[in-house]
Amino acid sequence: MPSCRLDHLTGCVSVLYNPAMSSLDPLERVLAQLRLYEHPLLNFSARAKGEGVEVVIRFKDESIPVHTYYFDLHPRDLADPQFEWSFQRQLYDALHDYFVEMFIRTPQDRADRQRKGL
């Protein structure tokens, strides 16, 4: 996945952002990235899904009834010359969404608040 950087003498030169990572197949590339992340509450995994990859986020403590979160990486995401950075942004966005979805009650749940006298 070449990108272009400016060479002051010759103009634009094609370079790879991370040549070692770009030679892996898409699933292996995502799994390699996930190995760089460790979280005390969550486990990360991935699996092939069509031409893309599905990332899976699970809560480590299975005794707590929390759903599993999934998000897709499309071929265009996987081809991004700065994949490592765009992946981190997508992962952090997914973590934000996942934790927000874990709320049992929010101020918007008026019926629940009325039942509980809140």
PDB file of N, CA and C in Angstrom:
ATOM      1  N   MET A   1       0.823  -1.171   0.000  1.00  0.00           N
ATOM      2  CA  MET A   1       0.000   0.000   0.000  1.00  0.00           C
ATOM      3  C   MET A   1       0.872   1.241   0.000  1.00  0.00           C
ATOM      4  N   PRO A   2       1.284   1.652  -1.145  1.00  0.00           N
ATOM      5  CA  PRO A   2       2.211   2.764  -1.201  1.00  0.00           C
ATOM      6  C   PRO A   2       1.560   4.083  -0.860  1.00  0.00           C
ATOM      7  N   SER A   3       2.355   4.952  -0.331  1.00  0.00           N
ATOM      8  CA  SER A   3       1.942   6.331  -0.142  1.00  0.00           C
ATOM      9  C   SER A   3       3.033   7.186  -0.766  1.00  0.00           C
ATOM     10  N   CYS A   4       2.830   8.467  -0.776  1.00  0.00           N
ATOM     11  CA  CYS A   4       3.790   9.334  -1.435  1.00  0.00           C
ATOM     12  C   CYS A   4       4.370  10.291  -0.413  1.00  0.00           C
ATOM     13  N   ARG A   5       5.679  10.381  -0.383  1.00  0.00           N
ATOM     14  CA  ARG A   5       6.320  11.383   0.463  1.00  0.00           C
ATOM     15  C   ARG A   5       7.154  12.265  -0.448  1.00  0.00           C
ATOM     16  N   LEU A   6       7.390  13.458  -0.021  1.00  0.00           N
ATOM     17  CA  LEU A   6       8.131  14.402  -0.844  1.00  0.00           C
ATOM     18  C   LEU A   6       9.620  14.203  -0.639  1.00  0.00           C
ATOM     19  N   ASP A   7      10.305  13.977  -1.725  1.00  0.00           N
ATOM     20  CA  ASP A   7      11.754  13.918  -1.719  1.00  0.00           C
ATOM     21  C   ASP A   7      12.214  15.251  -2.329  1.00  0.00           C
ATOM     22  N   HIS A   8      12.982  16.030  -1.592  1.00  0.00           N
ATOM     23  CA  HIS A   8      13.357  17.381  -2.030  1.00  0.00           C
ATOM     24  C   HIS A   8      14.188  17.394  -3.312  1.00  0.00           C
ATOM     25  N   LEU A   9      14.845  16.296  -3.622  1.00  0.00           N
ATOM     26  CA  LEU A   9      15.665  16.264  -4.829  1.00  0.00           C
ATOM     27  C   LEU A   9      14.918  15.724  -6.046  1.00  0.00           C
ATOM     28  N   THR A  10      14.130  14.683  -5.830  1.00  0.00           N
ATOM     29  CA  THR A  10      13.525  14.010  -6.981  1.00  0.00           C
ATOM     30  C   THR A  10      12.016  14.148  -7.066  1.00  0.00           C
ATOM     31  N   GLY A  11      11.370  14.731  -6.086  1.00  0.00           N
ATOM     32  CA  GLY A  11       9.915  14.842  -6.117  1.00  0.00           C
ATOM     33  C   GLY A  11       9.271  13.757  -5.286  1.00  0.00           C
ATOM     34  N   CYS A  12       8.196  13.183  -5.803  1.00  0.00           N
ATOM     35  CA  CYS A  12       7.414  12.197  -5.063  1.00  0.00           C
ATOM     36  C   CYS A  12       8.057  10.819  -5.153  1.00  0.00           C
ATOM     37  N   VAL A  13       8.195  10.165  -4.009  1.00  0.00           N
ATOM     38  CA  VAL A  13       8.754   8.819  -3.953  1.00  0.00           C
ATOM     39  C   VAL A  13       7.742   7.919  -3.282  1.00  0.00           C
ATOM     40  N   SER A  14       7.475   6.772  -3.869  1.00  0.00           N
ATOM     41  CA  SER A  14       6.528   5.827  -3.303  1.00  0.00           C
ATOM     42  C   SER A  14       7.189   5.085  -2.150  1.00  0.00           C
ATOM     43  N   VAL A  15       6.516   5.055  -1.003  1.00  0.00           N
ATOM     44  CA  VAL A  15       7.042   4.349   0.169  1.00  0.00           C
ATOM     45  C   VAL A  15       5.923   3.564   0.818  1.00  0.00           C
ATOM     46  N   LEU A  16       6.271   2.562   1.575  1.00  0.00           N
ATOM     47  CA  LEU A  16       5.292   1.812   2.352  1.00  0.00           C
ATOM     48  C   LEU A  16       5.345   2.296   3.784  1.00  0.00           C
ATOM     49  N   TYR A  17       4.180   2.510   4.370  1.00  0.00           N
ATOM     50  CA  TYR A  17       4.125   2.977   5.752  1.00  0.00           C
ATOM     51  C   TYR A  17       4.729   1.950   6.690  1.00  0.00           C
ATOM     52  N   ASN A  18       4.345   0.692   6.530  1.00  0.00           N
ATOM     53  CA  ASN A  18       4.878  -0.376   7.360  1.00  0.00           C
ATOM     54  C   ASN A  18       4.994  -1.621   6.488  1.00  0.00           C
ATOM     55  N   PRO A  19       6.102  -1.761   5.749  1.00  0.00           N
ATOM     56  CA  PRO A  19       6.209  -2.831   4.771  1.00  0.00           C
ATOM     57  C   PRO A  19       6.039  -4.226   5.349  1.00  0.00           C
ATOM     58  N   ALA A  20       6.498  -4.472   6.548  1.00  0.00           N
ATOM     59  CA  ALA A  20       6.367  -5.808   7.144  1.00  0.00           C
ATOM     60  C   ALA A  20       4.902  -6.170   7.339  1.00  0.00           C
ATOM     61  N   MET A  21       4.082  -5.224   7.740  1.00  0.00           N
ATOM     62  CA  MET A  21       2.674  -5.491   8.000  1.00  0.00           C
ATOM     63  C   MET A  21       1.875  -5.600   6.701  1.00  0.00           C
ATOM     64  N   SER A  22       2.236  -4.842   5.690  1.00  0.00           N
ATOM     65  CA  SER A  22       1.431  -4.833   4.472  1.00  0.00           C
ATOM     66  C   SER A  22       1.557  -6.123   3.681  1.00  0.00           C
ATOM     67  N   SER A  23       2.554  -6.955   3.963  1.00  0.00           N
ATOM     68  CA  SER A  23       2.709  -8.207   3.236  1.00  0.00           C
ATOM     69  C   SER A  23       1.822  -9.321   3.799  1.00  0.00           C
ATOM     70  N   LEU A  24       1.202  -9.102   4.949  1.00  0.00           N
ATOM     71  CA  LEU A  24       0.336 -10.103   5.561  1.00  0.00           C
ATOM     72  C   LEU A  24      -1.041 -10.094   4.908  1.00  0.00           C
ATOM     73  N   ASP A  25      -1.742 -11.244   4.992  1.00  0.00           N
ATOM     74  CA  ASP A  25      -3.119 -11.233   4.504  1.00  0.00           C
ATOM     75  C   ASP A  25      -3.949 -10.397   5.477  1.00  0.00           C
ATOM     76  N   PRO A  26      -5.117  -9.916   5.064  1.00  0.00           N
ATOM     77  CA  PRO A  26      -5.894  -8.980   5.890  1.00  0.00           C
ATOM     78  C   PRO A  26      -6.165  -9.479   7.309  1.00  0.00           C
ATOM     79  N   LEU A  27      -6.581 -10.733   7.466  1.00  0.00           N
ATOM     80  CA  LEU A  27      -6.865 -11.239   8.812  1.00  0.00           C
ATOM     81  C   LEU A  27      -5.603 -11.248   9.659  1.00  0.00           C
ATOM     82  N   GLU A  28      -4.501 -11.737   9.121  1.00  0.00           N
ATOM     83  CA  GLU A  28      -3.250 -11.758   9.880  1.00  0.00           C
ATOM     84  C   GLU A  28      -2.784 -10.350  10.242  1.00  0.00           C
ATOM     85  N   ARG A  29      -3.016  -9.416   9.352  1.00  0.00           N
ATOM     86  CA  ARG A  29      -2.637  -8.026   9.611  1.00  0.00           C
ATOM     87  C   ARG A  29      -3.417  -7.471  10.806  1.00  0.00           C
ATOM     88  N   VAL A  30      -4.720  -7.752  10.858  1.00  0.00           N
ATOM     89  CA  VAL A  30      -5.548  -7.281  11.972  1.00  0.00           C
ATOM     90  C   VAL A  30      -5.155  -8.007  13.260  1.00  0.00           C
ATOM     91  N   LEU A  31      -4.966  -9.314  13.190  1.00  0.00           N
ATOM     92  CA  LEU A  31      -4.554 -10.066  14.383  1.00  0.00           C
ATOM     93  C   LEU A  31      -3.217  -9.563  14.920  1.00  0.00           C
ATOM     94  N   ALA A  32      -2.296  -9.217  14.026  1.00  0.00           N
ATOM     95  CA  ALA A  32      -1.002  -8.671  14.453  1.00  0.00           C
ATOM     96  C   ALA A  32      -1.196  -7.352  15.189  1.00  0.00           C
ATOM     97  N   GLN A  33      -2.116  -6.517  14.700  1.00  0.00           N
ATOM     98  CA  GLN A  33      -2.399  -5.257  15.388  1.00  0.00           C
ATOM     99  C   GLN A  33      -3.039  -5.509  16.749  1.00  0.00           C
ATOM    100  N   LEU A  34      -3.990  -6.433  16.800  1.00  0.00           N
ATOM    101  CA  LEU A  34      -4.681  -6.705  18.064  1.00  0.00           C
ATOM    102  C   LEU A  34      -3.724  -7.226  19.132  1.00  0.00           C
ATOM    103  N   ARG A  35      -2.673  -7.926  18.739  1.00  0.00           N
ATOM    104  CA  ARG A  35      -1.689  -8.418  19.718  1.00  0.00           C
ATOM    105  C   ARG A  35      -0.964  -7.270  20.408  1.00  0.00           C
ATOM    106  N   LEU A  36      -0.998  -6.082  19.833  1.00  0.00           N
ATOM    107  CA  LEU A  36      -0.340  -4.918  20.430  1.00  0.00           C
ATOM    108  C   LEU A  36      -1.188  -4.261  21.520  1.00  0.00           C
ATOM    109  N   TYR A  37      -2.430  -4.691  21.654  1.00  0.00           N
ATOM    110  CA  TYR A  37      -3.360  -4.102  22.622  1.00  0.00           C
ATOM    111  C   TYR A  37      -3.666  -5.109  23.720  1.00  0.00           C
ATOM    112  N   GLU A  38      -3.610  -4.647  24.971  1.00  0.00           N
ATOM    113  CA  GLU A  38      -4.003  -5.480  26.103  1.00  0.00           C
ATOM    114  C   GLU A  38      -4.887  -4.624  27.003  1.00  0.00           C
ATOM    115  N   HIS A  39      -5.983  -5.173  27.452  1.00  0.00           N
ATOM    116  CA  HIS A  39      -6.959  -4.429  28.252  1.00  0.00           C
ATOM    117  C   HIS A  39      -7.352  -5.282  29.449  1.00  0.00           C
ATOM    118  N   PRO A  40      -7.506  -4.690  30.632  1.00  0.00           N
ATOM    119  CA  PRO A  40      -7.846  -5.494  31.818  1.00  0.00           C
ATOM    120  C   PRO A  40      -9.270  -6.038  31.817  1.00  0.00           C
ATOM    121  N   LEU A  41     -10.165  -5.460  31.020  1.00  0.00           N
ATOM    122  CA  LEU A  41     -11.562  -5.882  31.025  1.00  0.00           C
ATOM    123  C   LEU A  41     -12.008  -6.592  29.758  1.00  0.00           C
ATOM    124  N   LEU A  42     -11.247  -6.449  28.680  1.00  0.00           N
ATOM    125  CA  LEU A  42     -11.715  -6.899  27.376  1.00  0.00           C
ATOM    126  C   LEU A  42     -10.728  -7.836  26.683  1.00  0.00           C
ATOM    127  N   ASN A  43     -11.267  -8.758  25.896  1.00  0.00           N
ATOM    128  CA  ASN A  43     -10.494  -9.609  25.003  1.00  0.00           C
ATOM    129  C   ASN A  43     -10.817  -9.213  23.578  1.00  0.00           C
ATOM    130  N   PHE A  44      -9.810  -9.248  22.717  1.00  0.00           N
ATOM    131  CA  PHE A  44      -9.968  -8.884  21.321  1.00  0.00           C
ATOM    132  C   PHE A  44      -9.640 -10.087  20.445  1.00  0.00           C
ATOM    133  N   SER A  45     -10.421 -10.257  19.387  1.00  0.00           N
ATOM    134  CA  SER A  45     -10.132 -11.282  18.388  1.00  0.00           C
ATOM    135  C   SER A  45     -10.653 -10.775  17.044  1.00  0.00           C
ATOM    136  N   ALA A  46     -10.400 -11.558  16.005  1.00  0.00           N
ATOM    137  CA  ALA A  46     -10.867 -11.173  14.673  1.00  0.00           C
ATOM    138  C   ALA A  46     -11.044 -12.437  13.846  1.00  0.00           C
ATOM    139  N   ARG A  47     -11.882 -12.307  12.811  1.00  0.00           N
ATOM    140  CA  ARG A  47     -12.107 -13.418  11.896  1.00  0.00           C
ATOM    141  C   ARG A  47     -12.415 -12.841  10.518  1.00  0.00           C
ATOM    142  N   ALA A  48     -12.130 -13.643   9.496  1.00  0.00           N
ATOM    143  CA  ALA A  48     -12.412 -13.222   8.130  1.00  0.00           C
ATOM    144  C   ALA A  48     -13.922 -13.083   7.955  1.00  0.00           C
ATOM    145  N   LYS A  49     -14.306 -12.080   7.182  1.00  0.00           N
ATOM    146  CA  LYS A  49     -15.720 -11.865   6.870  1.00  0.00           C
ATOM    147  C   LYS A  49     -15.800 -11.319   5.455  1.00  0.00           C
ATOM    148  N   GLY A  50     -16.148 -12.190   4.525  1.00  0.00           N
ATOM    149  CA  GLY A  50     -16.156 -11.793   3.116  1.00  0.00           C
ATOM    150  C   GLY A  50     -14.761 -11.372   2.702  1.00  0.00           C
ATOM    151  N   GLU A  51     -14.663 -10.203   2.084  1.00  0.00           N
ATOM    152  CA  GLU A  51     -13.362  -9.679   1.681  1.00  0.00           C
ATOM    153  C   GLU A  51     -12.705  -8.866   2.788  1.00  0.00           C
ATOM    154  N   GLY A  52     -13.421  -8.674   3.890  1.00  0.00           N
ATOM    155  CA  GLY A  52     -12.907  -7.877   4.990  1.00  0.00           C
ATOM    156  C   GLY A  52     -12.607  -8.721   6.212  1.00  0.00           C
ATOM    157  N   VAL A  53     -12.601  -8.056   7.349  1.00  0.00           N
ATOM    158  CA  VAL A  53     -12.313  -8.698   8.631  1.00  0.00           C
ATOM    159  C   VAL A  53     -13.302  -8.167   9.660  1.00  0.00           C
ATOM    160  N   GLU A  54     -13.792  -9.062  10.513  1.00  0.00           N
ATOM    161  CA  GLU A  54     -14.676  -8.677  11.607  1.00  0.00           C
ATOM    162  C   GLU A  54     -13.869  -8.721  12.900  1.00  0.00           C
ATOM    163  N   VAL A  55     -13.863  -7.612  13.626  1.00  0.00           N
ATOM    164  CA  VAL A  55     -13.183  -7.536  14.919  1.00  0.00           C
ATOM    165  C   VAL A  55     -14.218  -7.820  16.004  1.00  0.00           C
ATOM    166  N   VAL A  56     -13.819  -8.637  16.993  1.00  0.00           N
ATOM    167  CA  VAL A  56     -14.720  -9.069  18.058  1.00  0.00           C
ATOM    168  C   VAL A  56     -14.146  -8.587  19.395  1.00  0.00           C
ATOM    169  N   ILE A  57     -15.004  -7.920  20.185  1.00  0.00           N
ATOM    170  CA  ILE A  57     -14.607  -7.444  21.512  1.00  0.00           C
ATOM    171  C   ILE A  57     -15.513  -8.126  22.527  1.00  0.00           C
ATOM    172  N   ARG A  58     -14.904  -8.858  23.452  1.00  0.00           N
ATOM    173  CA  ARG A  58     -15.659  -9.581  24.487  1.00  0.00           C
ATOM    174  C   ARG A  58     -15.234  -9.104  25.867  1.00  0.00           C
ATOM    175  N   PHE A  59     -16.210  -9.040  26.767  1.00  0.00           N
ATOM    176  CA  PHE A  59     -15.936  -8.730  28.170  1.00  0.00           C
ATOM    177  C   PHE A  59     -15.286  -9.952  28.803  1.00  0.00           C
ATOM    178  N   LYS A  60     -14.171  -9.764  29.521  1.00  0.00           N
ATOM    179  CA  LYS A  60     -13.424 -10.901  30.076  1.00  0.00           C
ATOM    180  C   LYS A  60     -14.223 -11.685  31.114  1.00  0.00           C
ATOM    181  N   ASP A  61     -14.965 -10.976  31.966  1.00  0.00           N
ATOM    182  CA  ASP A  61     -15.723 -11.645  33.033  1.00  0.00           C
ATOM    183  C   ASP A  61     -17.051 -12.134  32.462  1.00  0.00           C
ATOM    184  N   GLU A  62     -17.080 -13.392  32.073  1.00  0.00           N
ATOM    185  CA  GLU A  62     -18.273 -13.949  31.437  1.00  0.00           C
ATOM    186  C   GLU A  62     -19.455 -14.098  32.387  1.00  0.00           C
ATOM    187  N   SER A  63     -19.223 -13.932  33.706  1.00  0.00           N
ATOM    188  CA  SER A  63     -20.336 -14.024  34.657  1.00  0.00           C
ATOM    189  C   SER A  63     -21.225 -12.777  34.609  1.00  0.00           C
ATOM    190  N   ILE A  64     -20.722 -11.713  34.020  1.00  0.00           N
ATOM    191  CA  ILE A  64     -21.504 -10.479  33.873  1.00  0.00           C
ATOM    192  C   ILE A  64     -22.170 -10.521  32.496  1.00  0.00           C
ATOM    193  N   PRO A  65     -23.493 -10.403  32.450  1.00  0.00           N
ATOM    194  CA  PRO A  65     -24.211 -10.541  31.171  1.00  0.00           C
ATOM    195  C   PRO A  65     -24.069  -9.304  30.275  1.00  0.00           C
ATOM    196  N   VAL A  66     -22.953  -9.229  29.599  1.00  0.00           N
ATOM    197  CA  VAL A  66     -22.679  -8.120  28.692  1.00  0.00           C
ATOM    198  C   VAL A  66     -22.530  -8.690  27.286  1.00  0.00           C
ATOM    199  N   HIS A  67     -23.103  -8.014  26.316  1.00  0.00           N
ATOM    200  CA  HIS A  67     -23.046  -8.491  24.939  1.00  0.00           C
ATOM    201  C   HIS A  67     -21.627  -8.418  24.377  1.00  0.00           C
ATOM    202  N   THR A  68     -21.419  -9.142  23.317  1.00  0.00           N
ATOM    203  CA  THR A  68     -20.179  -9.095  22.562  1.00  0.00           C
ATOM    204  C   THR A  68     -20.331  -8.035  21.488  1.00  0.00           C
ATOM    205  N   TYR A  69     -19.268  -7.287  21.252  1.00  0.00           N
ATOM    206  CA  TYR A  69     -19.321  -6.188  20.279  1.00  0.00           C
ATOM    207  C   TYR A  69     -18.544  -6.588  19.033  1.00  0.00           C
ATOM    208  N   TYR A  70     -19.089  -6.271  17.874  1.00  0.00           N
ATOM    209  CA  TYR A  70     -18.461  -6.595  16.596  1.00  0.00           C
ATOM    210  C   TYR A  70     -18.353  -5.328  15.748  1.00  0.00           C
ATOM    211  N   PHE A  71     -17.255  -5.200  15.013  1.00  0.00           N
ATOM    212  CA  PHE A  71     -17.202  -4.170  13.981  1.00  0.00           C
ATOM    213  C   PHE A  71     -16.394  -4.685  12.800  1.00  0.00           C
ATOM    214  N   ASP A  72     -16.764  -4.181  11.622  1.00  0.00           N
ATOM    215  CA  ASP A  72     -16.174  -4.658  10.375  1.00  0.00           C
ATOM    216  C   ASP A  72     -15.086  -3.726   9.881  1.00  0.00           C
ATOM    217  N   LEU A  73     -14.050  -4.344   9.342  1.00  0.00           N
ATOM    218  CA  LEU A  73     -13.022  -3.621   8.604  1.00  0.00           C
ATOM    219  C   LEU A  73     -13.189  -4.022   7.143  1.00  0.00           C
ATOM    220  N   HIS A  74     -13.472  -3.057   6.305  1.00  0.00           N
ATOM    221  CA  HIS A  74     -13.709  -3.294   4.889  1.00  0.00           C
ATOM    222  C   HIS A  74     -12.382  -3.284   4.133  1.00  0.00           C
ATOM    223  N   PRO A  75     -12.353  -3.836   2.939  1.00  0.00           N
ATOM    224  CA  PRO A  75     -11.105  -3.846   2.162  1.00  0.00           C
ATOM    225  C   PRO A  75     -10.454  -2.468   2.053  1.00  0.00           C
ATOM    226  N   ARG A  76     -11.249  -1.412   1.924  1.00  0.00           N
ATOM    227  CA  ARG A  76     -10.664  -0.065   1.827  1.00  0.00           C
ATOM    228  C   ARG A  76      -9.961   0.327   3.130  1.00  0.00           C
ATOM    229  N   ASP A  77     -10.504  -0.125   4.282  1.00  0.00           N
ATOM    230  CA  ASP A  77      -9.848   0.143   5.573  1.00  0.00           C
ATOM    231  C   ASP A  77      -8.513  -0.589   5.633  1.00  0.00           C
ATOM    232  N   LEU A  78      -8.524  -1.834   5.181  1.00  0.00           N
ATOM    233  CA  LEU A  78      -7.329  -2.664   5.241  1.00  0.00           C
ATOM    234  C   LEU A  78      -6.253  -2.199   4.269  1.00  0.00           C
ATOM    235  N   ALA A  79      -6.638  -1.495   3.217  1.00  0.00           N
ATOM    236  CA  ALA A  79      -5.695  -1.000   2.214  1.00  0.00           C
ATOM    237  C   ALA A  79      -5.152   0.387   2.538  1.00  0.00           C
ATOM    238  N   ASP A  80      -5.644   0.999   3.594  1.00  0.00           N
ATOM    239  CA  ASP A  80      -5.198   2.341   3.972  1.00  0.00           C
ATOM    240  C   ASP A  80      -3.686   2.336   4.188  1.00  0.00           C
ATOM    241  N   PRO A  81      -2.945   3.254   3.566  1.00  0.00           N
ATOM    242  CA  PRO A  81      -1.495   3.289   3.740  1.00  0.00           C
ATOM    243  C   PRO A  81      -1.080   3.503   5.200  1.00  0.00           C
ATOM    244  N   GLN A  82      -1.942   4.103   5.973  1.00  0.00           N
ATOM    245  CA  GLN A  82      -1.665   4.298   7.394  1.00  0.00           C
ATOM    246  C   GLN A  82      -2.612   3.436   8.227  1.00  0.00           C
ATOM    247  N   PHE A  83      -2.721   2.187   7.828  1.00  0.00           N
ATOM    248  CA  PHE A  83      -3.653   1.249   8.450  1.00  0.00           C
ATOM    249  C   PHE A  83      -3.535   1.219   9.970  1.00  0.00           C
ATOM    250  N   GLU A  84      -2.327   1.187  10.483  1.00  0.00           N
ATOM    251  CA  GLU A  84      -2.146   1.064  11.932  1.00  0.00           C
ATOM    252  C   GLU A  84      -2.833   2.198  12.678  1.00  0.00           C
ATOM    253  N   TRP A  85      -2.748   3.420  12.140  1.00  0.00           N
ATOM    254  CA  TRP A  85      -3.380   4.574  12.790  1.00  0.00           C
ATOM    255  C   TRP A  85      -4.892   4.564  12.598  1.00  0.00           C
ATOM    256  N   SER A  86      -5.342   4.238  11.405  1.00  0.00           N
ATOM    257  CA  SER A  86      -6.790   4.211  11.171  1.00  0.00           C
ATOM    258  C   SER A  86      -7.426   3.074  11.958  1.00  0.00           C
ATOM    259  N   PHE A  87      -6.710   1.954  12.099  1.00  0.00           N
ATOM    260  CA  PHE A  87      -7.225   0.845  12.909  1.00  0.00           C
ATOM    261  C   PHE A  87      -7.378   1.273  14.357  1.00  0.00           C
ATOM    262  N   GLN A  88      -6.376   1.976  14.894  1.00  0.00           N
ATOM    263  CA  GLN A  88      -6.469   2.425  16.280  1.00  0.00           C
ATOM    264  C   GLN A  88      -7.668   3.346  16.480  1.00  0.00           C
ATOM    265  N   ARG A  89      -7.887   4.248  15.535  1.00  0.00           N
ATOM    266  CA  ARG A  89      -9.048   5.150  15.632  1.00  0.00           C
ATOM    267  C   ARG A  89     -10.342   4.355  15.619  1.00  0.00           C
ATOM    268  N   GLN A  90     -10.456   3.373  14.713  1.00  0.00           N
ATOM    269  CA  GLN A  90     -11.667   2.557  14.645  1.00  0.00           C
ATOM    270  C   GLN A  90     -11.850   1.740  15.918  1.00  0.00           C
ATOM    271  N   LEU A  91     -10.774   1.185  16.447  1.00  0.00           N
ATOM    272  CA  LEU A  91     -10.858   0.404  17.677  1.00  0.00           C
ATOM    273  C   LEU A  91     -11.316   1.287  18.834  1.00  0.00           C
ATOM    274  N   TYR A  92     -10.734   2.458  18.976  1.00  0.00           N
ATOM    275  CA  TYR A  92     -11.122   3.357  20.073  1.00  0.00           C
ATOM    276  C   TYR A  92     -12.562   3.841  19.915  1.00  0.00           C
ATOM    277  N   ASP A  93     -12.984   4.107  18.681  1.00  0.00           N
ATOM    278  CA  ASP A  93     -14.386   4.482  18.448  1.00  0.00           C
ATOM    279  C   ASP A  93     -15.312   3.327  18.845  1.00  0.00           C
ATOM    280  N   ALA A  94     -14.926   2.104  18.491  1.00  0.00           N
ATOM    281  CA  ALA A  94     -15.738   0.932  18.839  1.00  0.00           C
ATOM    282  C   ALA A  94     -15.793   0.743  20.354  1.00  0.00           C
ATOM    283  N   LEU A  95     -14.675   0.954  21.037  1.00  0.00           N
ATOM    284  CA  LEU A  95     -14.669   0.824  22.496  1.00  0.00           C
ATOM    285  C   LEU A  95     -15.596   1.851  23.139  1.00  0.00           C
ATOM    286  N   HIS A  96     -15.585   3.058  22.619  1.00  0.00           N
ATOM    287  CA  HIS A  96     -16.498   4.085  23.131  1.00  0.00           C
ATOM    288  C   HIS A  96     -17.943   3.632  22.958  1.00  0.00           C
ATOM    289  N   ASP A  97     -18.280   3.172  21.772  1.00  0.00           N
ATOM    290  CA  ASP A  97     -19.650   2.719  21.503  1.00  0.00           C
ATOM    291  C   ASP A  97     -20.023   1.543  22.399  1.00  0.00           C
ATOM    292  N   TYR A  98     -19.109   0.604  22.541  1.00  0.00           N
ATOM    293  CA  TYR A  98     -19.358  -0.597  23.359  1.00  0.00           C
ATOM    294  C   TYR A  98     -19.650  -0.221  24.808  1.00  0.00           C
ATOM    295  N   PHE A  99     -18.823   0.644  25.382  1.00  0.00           N
ATOM    296  CA  PHE A  99     -19.049   1.019  26.775  1.00  0.00           C
ATOM    297  C   PHE A  99     -20.327   1.819  26.952  1.00  0.00           C
ATOM    298  N   VAL A 100     -20.677   2.653  26.006  1.00  0.00           N
ATOM    299  CA  VAL A 100     -21.942   3.387  26.093  1.00  0.00           C
ATOM    300  C   VAL A 100     -23.111   2.411  26.020  1.00  0.00           C
ATOM    301  N   GLU A 101     -23.015   1.396  25.153  1.00  0.00           N
ATOM    302  CA  GLU A 101     -24.090   0.409  25.036  1.00  0.00           C
ATOM    303  C   GLU A 101     -24.247  -0.443  26.291  1.00  0.00           C
ATOM    304  N   MET A 102     -23.261  -0.455  27.177  1.00  0.00           N
ATOM    305  CA  MET A 102     -23.335  -1.251  28.403  1.00  0.00           C
ATOM    306  C   MET A 102     -24.217  -0.608  29.479  1.00  0.00           C
ATOM    307  N   PHE A 103     -24.596   0.646  29.311  1.00  0.00           N
ATOM    308  CA  PHE A 103     -25.436   1.271  30.326  1.00  0.00           C
ATOM    309  C   PHE A 103     -26.703   0.457  30.548  1.00  0.00           C
ATOM    310  N   ILE A 104     -27.038   0.259  31.800  1.00  0.00           N
ATOM    311  CA  ILE A 104     -28.272  -0.435  32.171  1.00  0.00           C
ATOM    312  C   ILE A 104     -29.431   0.565  32.217  1.00  0.00           C
ATOM    313  N   ARG A 105     -29.115   1.785  32.604  1.00  0.00           N
ATOM    314  CA  ARG A 105     -30.128   2.838  32.662  1.00  0.00           C
ATOM    315  C   ARG A 105     -29.465   4.151  32.272  1.00  0.00           C
ATOM    316  N   THR A 106     -30.197   4.991  31.572  1.00  0.00           N
ATOM    317  CA  THR A 106     -29.749   6.341  31.236  1.00  0.00           C
ATOM    318  C   THR A 106     -30.874   7.312  31.556  1.00  0.00           C
ATOM    319  N   PRO A 107     -30.599   8.604  31.622  1.00  0.00           N
ATOM    320  CA  PRO A 107     -31.662   9.579  31.900  1.00  0.00           C
ATOM    321  C   PRO A 107     -32.787   9.552  30.865  1.00  0.00           C
ATOM    322  N   GLN A 108     -32.515   9.035  29.681  1.00  0.00           N
ATOM    323  CA  GLN A 108     -33.539   8.999  28.639  1.00  0.00           C
ATOM    324  C   GLN A 108     -34.585   7.913  28.878  1.00  0.00           C
ATOM    325  N   ASP A 109     -34.341   7.008  29.803  1.00  0.00           N
ATOM    326  CA  ASP A 109     -35.276   5.913  30.083  1.00  0.00           C
ATOM    327  C   ASP A 109     -36.282   6.374  31.146  1.00  0.00           C
ATOM    328  N   ARG A 110     -37.232   7.173  30.713  1.00  0.00           N
ATOM    329  CA  ARG A 110     -38.192   7.796  31.636  1.00  0.00           C
ATOM    330  C   ARG A 110     -39.084   6.773  32.347  1.00  0.00           C
ATOM    331  N   ALA A 111     -39.559   5.760  31.630  1.00  0.00           N
ATOM    332  CA  ALA A 111     -40.441   4.752  32.229  1.00  0.00           C
ATOM    333  C   ALA A 111     -39.727   4.024  33.366  1.00  0.00           C
ATOM    334  N   ASP A 112     -38.481   3.668  33.160  1.00  0.00           N
ATOM    335  CA  ASP A 112     -37.707   2.984  34.195  1.00  0.00           C
ATOM    336  C   ASP A 112     -37.508   3.896  35.403  1.00  0.00           C
ATOM    337  N   ARG A 113     -37.216   5.166  35.155  1.00  0.00           N
ATOM    338  CA  ARG A 113     -37.031   6.129  36.262  1.00  0.00           C
ATOM    339  C   ARG A 113     -38.316   6.274  37.058  1.00  0.00           C
ATOM    340  N   GLN A 114     -39.458   6.334  36.395  1.00  0.00           N
ATOM    341  CA  GLN A 114     -40.736   6.493  37.092  1.00  0.00           C
ATOM    342  C   GLN A 114     -41.038   5.257  37.939  1.00  0.00           C
ATOM    343  N   ARG A 115     -40.795   4.053  37.393  1.00  0.00           N
ATOM    344  CA  ARG A 115     -41.011   2.804  38.155  1.00  0.00           C
ATOM    345  C   ARG A 115     -40.161   2.765  39.413  1.00  0.00           C
ATOM    346  N   LYS A 116     -38.949   3.282  39.322  1.00  0.00           N
ATOM    347  CA  LYS A 116     -38.010   3.209  40.439  1.00  0.00           C
ATOM    348  C   LYS A 116     -38.017   4.469  41.293  1.00  0.00           C
ATOM    349  N   GLY A 117     -38.858   5.424  40.950  1.00  0.00           N
ATOM    350  CA  GLY A 117     -38.975   6.648  41.736  1.00  0.00           C
ATOM    351  C   GLY A 117     -37.746   7.530  41.636  1.00  0.00           C
ATOM    352  N   LEU A 118     -37.100   7.532  40.505  1.00  0.00           N
ATOM    353  CA  LEU A 118     -35.888   8.358  40.330  1.00  0.00           C
ATOM    354  C   LEU A 118     -36.192   9.661  39.637  1.00  0.00           C
TER     355      LEU A 118
END
